[in-house]
C-alpha cells in the first residue's frame, strides 16, 4: 500500500496452501515451510 517494492521470501512452520497462494499472488518470491 505504501508503494515500497521489496521482494519477499516467506518462511513459516504454520503455513497452508491458501496462505501460500495469497502470499505469492501479492508478489512474494517464495513461500518456504519449516
ModelCIF file with pLDDT and N, C-alpha, C, O atoms, coordinates in Angstrom:
data_MODEL
#
_entry.id   MODEL 
#
_entity.id                         1 
_entity.type                       polymer 
_entity.pdbx_number_of_molecules   1 
#
_entity_poly.entity_id                      1 
_entity_poly.type                           'polypeptide(L)' 
_entity_poly.nstd_linkage                   no 
_entity_poly.nstd_monomer                   no 
_entity_poly.pdbx_seq_one_letter_code       
;(UNK)(UNK)(UNK)(UNK)(UNK)(UNK)(UNK)(UNK)(UNK)(UNK)(UNK)(UNK)(UNK)(UNK)(UNK)(UNK)
(UNK)(UNK)(UNK)(UNK)(UNK)(UNK)(UNK)(UNK)(UNK)(UNK)(UNK)(UNK)(UNK)(UNK)(UNK)(UNK)
(UNK)(UNK)
;
_entity_poly.pdbx_seq_one_letter_code_can   XXXXXXXXXXXXXXXXXXXXXXXXXXXXXXXXXX 
_entity_poly.pdbx_strand_id                 A 
#
loop_
_entity_poly_seq.entity_id 
_entity_poly_seq.num 
_entity_poly_seq.mon_id 
_entity_poly_seq.hetero 
1 1  UNK n 
1 2  UNK n 
1 3  UNK n 
1 4  UNK n 
1 5  UNK n 
1 6  UNK n 
1 7  UNK n 
1 8  UNK n 
1 9  UNK n 
1 10 UNK n 
1 11 UNK n 
1 12 UNK n 
1 13 UNK n 
1 14 UNK n 
1 15 UNK n 
1 16 UNK n 
1 17 UNK n 
1 18 UNK n 
1 19 UNK n 
1 20 UNK n 
1 21 UNK n 
1 22 UNK n 
1 23 UNK n 
1 24 UNK n 
1 25 UNK n 
1 26 UNK n 
1 27 UNK n 
1 28 UNK n 
1 29 UNK n 
1 30 UNK n 
1 31 UNK n 
1 32 UNK n 
1 33 UNK n 
1 34 UNK n 
#
_struct_asym.id          A 
_struct_asym.entity_id   1 
#
loop_
_ma_qa_metric.id 
_ma_qa_metric.mode 
_ma_qa_metric.name 
_ma_qa_metric.software_group_id 
_ma_qa_metric.type 
1 global pLDDT . pLDDT 
2 local  pLDDT . pLDDT 
#
_ma_qa_metric_global.metric_id      1 
_ma_qa_metric_global.metric_value   78.76 
_ma_qa_metric_global.model_id       1 
_ma_qa_metric_global.ordinal_id     1 
#
loop_
_ma_qa_metric_local.label_asym_id 
_ma_qa_metric_local.label_comp_id 
_ma_qa_metric_local.label_seq_id 
_ma_qa_metric_local.metric_id 
_ma_qa_metric_local.metric_value 
_ma_qa_metric_local.model_id 
_ma_qa_metric_local.ordinal_id 
A UNK 1  2 82.00 1 1  
A UNK 2  2 78.00 1 2  
A UNK 3  2 71.00 1 3  
A UNK 4  2 76.00 1 4  
A UNK 5  2 76.00 1 5  
A UNK 6  2 82.00 1 6  
A UNK 7  2 86.00 1 7  
A UNK 8  2 88.00 1 8  
A UNK 9  2 89.00 1 9  
A UNK 10 2 88.00 1 10 
A UNK 11 2 87.00 1 11 
A UNK 12 2 82.00 1 12 
A UNK 13 2 77.00 1 13 
A UNK 14 2 70.00 1 14 
A UNK 15 2 61.00 1 15 
A UNK 16 2 65.00 1 16 
A UNK 17 2 70.00 1 17 
A UNK 18 2 74.00 1 18 
A UNK 19 2 76.00 1 19 
A UNK 20 2 75.00 1 20 
A UNK 21 2 76.00 1 21 
A UNK 22 2 75.00 1 22 
A UNK 23 2 79.00 1 23 
A UNK 24 2 79.00 1 24 
A UNK 25 2 74.00 1 25 
A UNK 26 2 74.00 1 26 
A UNK 27 2 75.00 1 27 
A UNK 28 2 84.00 1 28 
A UNK 29 2 84.00 1 29 
A UNK 30 2 86.00 1 30 
A UNK 31 2 86.00 1 31 
A UNK 32 2 86.00 1 32 
A UNK 33 2 85.00 1 33 
A UNK 34 2 82.00 1 34 
#
loop_
_atom_site.group_PDB 
_atom_site.id 
_atom_site.type_symbol 
_atom_site.label_atom_id 
_atom_site.label_alt_id 
_atom_site.label_comp_id 
_atom_site.label_asym_id 
_atom_site.label_entity_id 
_atom_site.label_seq_id 
_atom_site.pdbx_PDB_ins_code 
_atom_site.Cartn_x 
_atom_site.Cartn_y 
_atom_site.Cartn_z 
_atom_site.occupancy 
_atom_site.B_iso_or_equiv 
_atom_site.pdbx_formal_charge 
_atom_site.auth_seq_id 
_atom_site.auth_comp_id 
_atom_site.auth_asym_id 
_atom_site.auth_atom_id 
_atom_site.pdbx_PDB_model_num 
ATOM 1   N N  . UNK A 1 1  ? 0.830  -1.219  0.000  1.00 82.00 ? 1  UNK A N  1 
ATOM 2   C CA . UNK A 1 1  ? 0.000  0.000   0.000  1.00 82.00 ? 1  UNK A CA 1 
ATOM 3   C C  . UNK A 1 1  ? 0.854  1.254   0.000  1.00 82.00 ? 1  UNK A C  1 
ATOM 4   O O  . UNK A 1 1  ? 0.473  2.272   -0.578 1.00 82.00 ? 1  UNK A O  1 
ATOM 5   N N  . UNK A 1 2  ? 2.012  1.180   0.651  1.00 78.00 ? 2  UNK A N  1 
ATOM 6   C CA . UNK A 1 2  ? 2.915  2.336   0.714  1.00 78.00 ? 2  UNK A CA 1 
ATOM 7   C C  . UNK A 1 2  ? 3.738  2.494   -0.557 1.00 78.00 ? 2  UNK A C  1 
ATOM 8   O O  . UNK A 1 2  ? 4.490  3.460   -0.686 1.00 78.00 ? 2  UNK A O  1 
ATOM 9   N N  . UNK A 1 3  ? 3.608  1.558   -1.500 1.00 71.00 ? 3  UNK A N  1 
ATOM 10  C CA . UNK A 1 3  ? 4.371  1.645   -2.748 1.00 71.00 ? 3  UNK A CA 1 
ATOM 11  C C  . UNK A 1 3  ? 5.815  1.218   -2.605 1.00 71.00 ? 3  UNK A C  1 
ATOM 12  O O  . UNK A 1 3  ? 6.639  1.528   -3.465 1.00 71.00 ? 3  UNK A O  1 
ATOM 13  N N  . UNK A 1 4  ? 6.141  0.503   -1.521 1.00 76.00 ? 4  UNK A N  1 
ATOM 14  C CA . UNK A 1 4  ? 7.509  0.022   -1.296 1.00 76.00 ? 4  UNK A CA 1 
ATOM 15  C C  . UNK A 1 4  ? 7.638  -1.381  -1.875 1.00 76.00 ? 4  UNK A C  1 
ATOM 16  O O  . UNK A 1 4  ? 7.027  -2.325  -1.374 1.00 76.00 ? 4  UNK A O  1 
ATOM 17  N N  . UNK A 1 5  ? 8.430  -1.513  -2.923 1.00 76.00 ? 5  UNK A N  1 
ATOM 18  C CA . UNK A 1 5  ? 8.562  -2.802  -3.604 1.00 76.00 ? 5  UNK A CA 1 
ATOM 19  C C  . UNK A 1 5  ? 9.861  -3.471  -3.174 1.00 76.00 ? 5  UNK A C  1 
ATOM 20  O O  . UNK A 1 5  ? 10.936 -3.132  -3.669 1.00 76.00 ? 5  UNK A O  1 
ATOM 21  N N  . UNK A 1 6  ? 9.755  -4.429  -2.244 1.00 82.00 ? 6  UNK A N  1 
ATOM 22  C CA . UNK A 1 6  ? 10.898 -5.228  -1.804 1.00 82.00 ? 6  UNK A CA 1 
ATOM 23  C C  . UNK A 1 6  ? 10.524 -6.692  -1.980 1.00 82.00 ? 6  UNK A C  1 
ATOM 24  O O  . UNK A 1 6  ? 9.516  -7.130  -1.426 1.00 82.00 ? 6  UNK A O  1 
ATOM 25  N N  . UNK A 1 7  ? 11.306 -7.463  -2.736 1.00 86.00 ? 7  UNK A N  1 
ATOM 26  C CA . UNK A 1 7  ? 10.998 -8.891  -2.891 1.00 86.00 ? 7  UNK A CA 1 
ATOM 27  C C  . UNK A 1 7  ? 10.991 -9.589  -1.529 1.00 86.00 ? 7  UNK A C  1 
ATOM 28  O O  . UNK A 1 7  ? 11.849 -9.329  -0.686 1.00 86.00 ? 7  UNK A O  1 
ATOM 29  N N  . UNK A 1 8  ? 10.015 -10.478 -1.323 1.00 88.00 ? 8  UNK A N  1 
ATOM 30  C CA . UNK A 1 8  ? 9.840  -11.137 -0.019 1.00 88.00 ? 8  UNK A CA 1 
ATOM 31  C C  . UNK A 1 8  ? 9.922  -12.654 -0.182 1.00 88.00 ? 8  UNK A C  1 
ATOM 32  O O  . UNK A 1 8  ? 9.296  -13.241 -1.064 1.00 88.00 ? 8  UNK A O  1 
ATOM 33  N N  . UNK A 1 9  ? 10.715 -13.266 0.698  1.00 89.00 ? 9  UNK A N  1 
ATOM 34  C CA . UNK A 1 9  ? 10.744 -14.726 0.827  1.00 89.00 ? 9  UNK A CA 1 
ATOM 35  C C  . UNK A 1 9  ? 10.104 -15.061 2.177  1.00 89.00 ? 9  UNK A C  1 
ATOM 36  O O  . UNK A 1 9  ? 10.635 -14.695 3.225  1.00 89.00 ? 9  UNK A O  1 
ATOM 37  N N  . UNK A 1 10 ? 8.960  -15.756 2.150  1.00 88.00 ? 10 UNK A N  1 
ATOM 38  C CA . UNK A 1 10 ? 8.274  -16.128 3.388  1.00 88.00 ? 10 UNK A CA 1 
ATOM 39  C C  . UNK A 1 10 ? 8.809  -17.460 3.911  1.00 88.00 ? 10 UNK A C  1 
ATOM 40  O O  . UNK A 1 10 ? 9.069  -18.384 3.140  1.00 88.00 ? 10 UNK A O  1 
ATOM 41  N N  . UNK A 1 11 ? 8.971  -17.543 5.232  1.00 87.00 ? 11 UNK A N  1 
ATOM 42  C CA . UNK A 1 11 ? 9.278  -18.807 5.903  1.00 87.00 ? 11 UNK A CA 1 
ATOM 43  C C  . UNK A 1 11 ? 8.259  -18.995 7.022  1.00 87.00 ? 11 UNK A C  1 
ATOM 44  O O  . UNK A 1 11 ? 7.891  -18.028 7.690  1.00 87.00 ? 11 UNK A O  1 
ATOM 45  N N  . UNK A 1 12 ? 7.802  -20.224 7.233  1.00 82.00 ? 12 UNK A N  1 
ATOM 46  C CA . UNK A 1 12 ? 6.802  -20.448 8.276  1.00 82.00 ? 12 UNK A CA 1 
ATOM 47  C C  . UNK A 1 12 ? 6.750  -21.919 8.672  1.00 82.00 ? 12 UNK A C  1 
ATOM 48  O O  . UNK A 1 12 ? 7.013  -22.811 7.865  1.00 82.00 ? 12 UNK A O  1 
ATOM 49  N N  . UNK A 1 13 ? 6.406  -22.143 9.924  1.00 77.00 ? 13 UNK A N  1 
ATOM 50  C CA . UNK A 1 13 ? 6.162  -23.500 10.401 1.00 77.00 ? 13 UNK A CA 1 
ATOM 51  C C  . UNK A 1 13 ? 4.695  -23.793 10.509 1.00 77.00 ? 13 UNK A C  1 
ATOM 52  O O  . UNK A 1 13 ? 4.322  -24.892 10.920 1.00 77.00 ? 13 UNK A O  1 
ATOM 53  N N  . UNK A 1 14 ? 3.825  -22.832 10.148 1.00 70.00 ? 14 UNK A N  1 
ATOM 54  C CA . UNK A 1 14 ? 2.378  -22.996 10.318 1.00 70.00 ? 14 UNK A CA 1 
ATOM 55  C C  . UNK A 1 14 ? 1.636  -22.605 9.041  1.00 70.00 ? 14 UNK A C  1 
ATOM 56  O O  . UNK A 1 14 ? 0.506  -22.120 9.097  1.00 70.00 ? 14 UNK A O  1 
ATOM 57  N N  . UNK A 1 15 ? 2.261  -22.813 7.921  1.00 61.00 ? 15 UNK A N  1 
ATOM 58  C CA . UNK A 1 15 ? 1.648  -22.392 6.667  1.00 61.00 ? 15 UNK A CA 1 
ATOM 59  C C  . UNK A 1 15 ? 0.675  -23.413 6.123  1.00 61.00 ? 15 UNK A C  1 
ATOM 60  O O  . UNK A 1 15 ? 0.696  -24.582 6.507  1.00 61.00 ? 15 UNK A O  1 
ATOM 61  N N  . UNK A 1 16 ? -0.182 -22.954 5.221  1.00 65.00 ? 16 UNK A N  1 
ATOM 62  C CA . UNK A 1 16 ? -1.077 -23.850 4.491  1.00 65.00 ? 16 UNK A CA 1 
ATOM 63  C C  . UNK A 1 16 ? -1.145 -23.371 3.046  1.00 65.00 ? 16 UNK A C  1 
ATOM 64  O O  . UNK A 1 16 ? -0.600 -22.323 2.701  1.00 65.00 ? 16 UNK A O  1 
ATOM 65  N N  . UNK A 1 17 ? -1.815 -24.144 2.215  1.00 70.00 ? 17 UNK A N  1 
ATOM 66  C CA . UNK A 1 17 ? -1.847 -23.830 0.778  1.00 70.00 ? 17 UNK A CA 1 
ATOM 67  C C  . UNK A 1 17 ? -2.546 -22.497 0.496  1.00 70.00 ? 17 UNK A C  1 
ATOM 68  O O  . UNK A 1 17 ? -1.994 -21.702 -0.265 1.00 70.00 ? 17 UNK A O  1 
ATOM 69  N N  . UNK A 1 18 ? -3.727 -22.199 1.058  1.00 74.00 ? 18 UNK A N  1 
ATOM 70  C CA . UNK A 1 18 ? -4.357 -20.888 0.788  1.00 74.00 ? 18 UNK A CA 1 
ATOM 71  C C  . UNK A 1 18 ? -3.459 -19.721 1.197  1.00 74.00 ? 18 UNK A C  1 
ATOM 72  O O  . UNK A 1 18 ? -3.392 -18.709 0.498  1.00 74.00 ? 18 UNK A O  1 
ATOM 73  N N  . UNK A 1 19 ? -2.767 -19.866 2.336  1.00 76.00 ? 19 UNK A N  1 
ATOM 74  C CA . UNK A 1 19 ? -1.884 -18.790 2.797  1.00 76.00 ? 19 UNK A CA 1 
ATOM 75  C C  . UNK A 1 19 ? -0.748 -18.570 1.806  1.00 76.00 ? 19 UNK A C  1 
ATOM 76  O O  . UNK A 1 19 ? -0.424 -17.431 1.470  1.00 76.00 ? 19 UNK A O  1 
ATOM 77  N N  . UNK A 1 20 ? -0.143 -19.660 1.338  1.00 75.00 ? 20 UNK A N  1 
ATOM 78  C CA . UNK A 1 20 ? 0.977  -19.520 0.388  1.00 75.00 ? 20 UNK A CA 1 
ATOM 79  C C  . UNK A 1 20 ? 0.505  -18.939 -0.941 1.00 75.00 ? 20 UNK A C  1 
ATOM 80  O O  . UNK A 1 20 ? 1.205  -18.137 -1.560 1.00 75.00 ? 20 UNK A O  1 
ATOM 81  N N  . UNK A 1 21 ? -0.696 -19.352 -1.379 1.00 76.00 ? 21 UNK A N  1 
ATOM 82  C CA . UNK A 1 21 ? -1.245 -18.827 -2.636 1.00 76.00 ? 21 UNK A CA 1 
ATOM 83  C C  . UNK A 1 21 ? -1.468 -17.319 -2.530 1.00 76.00 ? 21 UNK A C  1 
ATOM 84  O O  . UNK A 1 21 ? -1.120 -16.577 -3.449 1.00 76.00 ? 21 UNK A O  1 
ATOM 85  N N  . UNK A 1 22 ? -2.045 -16.858 -1.415 1.00 75.00 ? 22 UNK A N  1 
ATOM 86  C CA . UNK A 1 22 ? -2.290 -15.424 -1.218 1.00 75.00 ? 22 UNK A CA 1 
ATOM 87  C C  . UNK A 1 22 ? -0.973 -14.641 -1.193 1.00 75.00 ? 22 UNK A C  1 
ATOM 88  O O  . UNK A 1 22 ? -0.878 -13.557 -1.767 1.00 75.00 ? 22 UNK A O  1 
ATOM 89  N N  . UNK A 1 23 ? 0.042  -15.202 -0.523 1.00 79.00 ? 23 UNK A N  1 
ATOM 90  C CA . UNK A 1 23 ? 1.335  -14.524 -0.449 1.00 79.00 ? 23 UNK A CA 1 
ATOM 91  C C  . UNK A 1 23 ? 1.975  -14.404 -1.822 1.00 79.00 ? 23 UNK A C  1 
ATOM 92  O O  . UNK A 1 23 ? 2.529  -13.357 -2.157 1.00 79.00 ? 23 UNK A O  1 
ATOM 93  N N  . UNK A 1 24 ? 1.905  -15.475 -2.628 1.00 79.00 ? 24 UNK A N  1 
ATOM 94  C CA . UNK A 1 24 ? 2.507  -15.453 -3.966 1.00 79.00 ? 24 UNK A CA 1 
ATOM 95  C C  . UNK A 1 24 ? 1.743  -14.508 -4.891 1.00 79.00 ? 24 UNK A C  1 
ATOM 96  O O  . UNK A 1 24 ? 2.350  -13.810 -5.704 1.00 79.00 ? 24 UNK A O  1 
ATOM 97  N N  . UNK A 1 25 ? 0.414  -14.483 -4.769 1.00 74.00 ? 25 UNK A N  1 
ATOM 98  C CA . UNK A 1 25 ? -0.384 -13.555 -5.580 1.00 74.00 ? 25 UNK A CA 1 
ATOM 99  C C  . UNK A 1 25 ? -0.031 -12.112 -5.267 1.00 74.00 ? 25 UNK A C  1 
ATOM 100 O O  . UNK A 1 25 ? -0.054 -11.256 -6.151 1.00 74.00 ? 25 UNK A O  1 
ATOM 101 N N  . UNK A 1 26 ? 0.296  -11.841 -4.009 1.00 74.00 ? 26 UNK A N  1 
ATOM 102 C CA . UNK A 1 26 ? 0.644  -10.473 -3.597 1.00 74.00 ? 26 UNK A CA 1 
ATOM 103 C C  . UNK A 1 26 ? 2.077  -10.108 -3.966 1.00 74.00 ? 26 UNK A C  1 
ATOM 104 O O  . UNK A 1 26 ? 2.521  -8.993  -3.692 1.00 74.00 ? 26 UNK A O  1 
ATOM 105 N N  . UNK A 1 27 ? 2.810  -11.045 -4.592 1.00 75.00 ? 27 UNK A N  1 
ATOM 106 C CA . UNK A 1 27 ? 4.134  -10.701 -5.094 1.00 75.00 ? 27 UNK A CA 1 
ATOM 107 C C  . UNK A 1 27 ? 5.297  -11.360 -4.403 1.00 75.00 ? 27 UNK A C  1 
ATOM 108 O O  . UNK A 1 27 ? 6.444  -11.015 -4.689 1.00 75.00 ? 27 UNK A O  1 
ATOM 109 N N  . UNK A 1 28 ? 5.055  -12.302 -3.497 1.00 84.00 ? 28 UNK A N  1 
ATOM 110 C CA . UNK A 1 28 ? 6.165  -12.980 -2.830 1.00 84.00 ? 28 UNK A CA 1 
ATOM 111 C C  . UNK A 1 28 ? 6.961  -13.799 -3.834 1.00 84.00 ? 28 UNK A C  1 
ATOM 112 O O  . UNK A 1 28 ? 6.407  -14.342 -4.789 1.00 84.00 ? 28 UNK A O  1 
ATOM 113 N N  . UNK A 1 29 ? 8.282  -13.882 -3.604 1.00 84.00 ? 29 UNK A N  1 
ATOM 114 C CA . UNK A 1 29 ? 9.157  -14.647 -4.490 1.00 84.00 ? 29 UNK A CA 1 
ATOM 115 C C  . UNK A 1 29 ? 9.066  -16.143 -4.167 1.00 84.00 ? 29 UNK A C  1 
ATOM 116 O O  . UNK A 1 29 ? 9.066  -16.972 -5.077 1.00 84.00 ? 29 UNK A O  1 
ATOM 117 N N  . UNK A 1 30 ? 8.988  -16.490 -2.881 1.00 86.00 ? 30 UNK A N  1 
ATOM 118 C CA . UNK A 1 30 ? 8.971  -17.895 -2.460 1.00 86.00 ? 30 UNK A CA 1 
ATOM 119 C C  . UNK A 1 30 ? 8.259  -18.011 -1.128 1.00 86.00 ? 30 UNK A C  1 
ATOM 120 O O  . UNK A 1 30 ? 8.235  -17.062 -0.344 1.00 86.00 ? 30 UNK A O  1 
ATOM 121 N N  . UNK A 1 31 ? 7.675  -19.180 -0.868 1.00 86.00 ? 31 UNK A N  1 
ATOM 122 C CA . UNK A 1 31 ? 6.993  -19.466 0.390  1.00 86.00 ? 31 UNK A CA 1 
ATOM 123 C C  . UNK A 1 31 ? 7.542  -20.813 0.882  1.00 86.00 ? 31 UNK A C  1 
ATOM 124 O O  . UNK A 1 31 ? 7.168  -21.863 0.361  1.00 86.00 ? 31 UNK A O  1 
ATOM 125 N N  . UNK A 1 32 ? 8.435  -20.779 1.893  1.00 86.00 ? 32 UNK A N  1 
ATOM 126 C CA . UNK A 1 32 ? 9.144  -21.981 2.336  1.00 86.00 ? 32 UNK A CA 1 
ATOM 127 C C  . UNK A 1 32 ? 8.611  -22.450 3.685  1.00 86.00 ? 32 UNK A C  1 
ATOM 128 O O  . UNK A 1 32 ? 8.665  -21.702 4.662  1.00 86.00 ? 32 UNK A O  1 
ATOM 129 N N  . UNK A 1 33 ? 8.094  -23.685 3.754  1.00 85.00 ? 33 UNK A N  1 
ATOM 130 C CA . UNK A 1 33 ? 7.669  -24.231 5.058  1.00 85.00 ? 33 UNK A CA 1 
ATOM 131 C C  . UNK A 1 33 ? 8.885  -24.743 5.833  1.00 85.00 ? 33 UNK A C  1 
ATOM 132 O O  . UNK A 1 33 ? 9.814  -25.303 5.251  1.00 85.00 ? 33 UNK A O  1 
ATOM 133 N N  . UNK A 1 34 ? 8.863  -24.543 7.145  1.00 82.00 ? 34 UNK A N  1 
ATOM 134 C CA . UNK A 1 34 ? 9.926  -25.076 8.003  1.00 82.00 ? 34 UNK A CA 1 
ATOM 135 C C  . UNK A 1 34 ? 9.678  -26.568 8.259  1.00 82.00 ? 34 UNK A C  1 
ATOM 136 O O  . UNK A 1 34 ? 10.458 -27.213 8.960  1.00 82.00 ? 34 UNK A O  1 
#
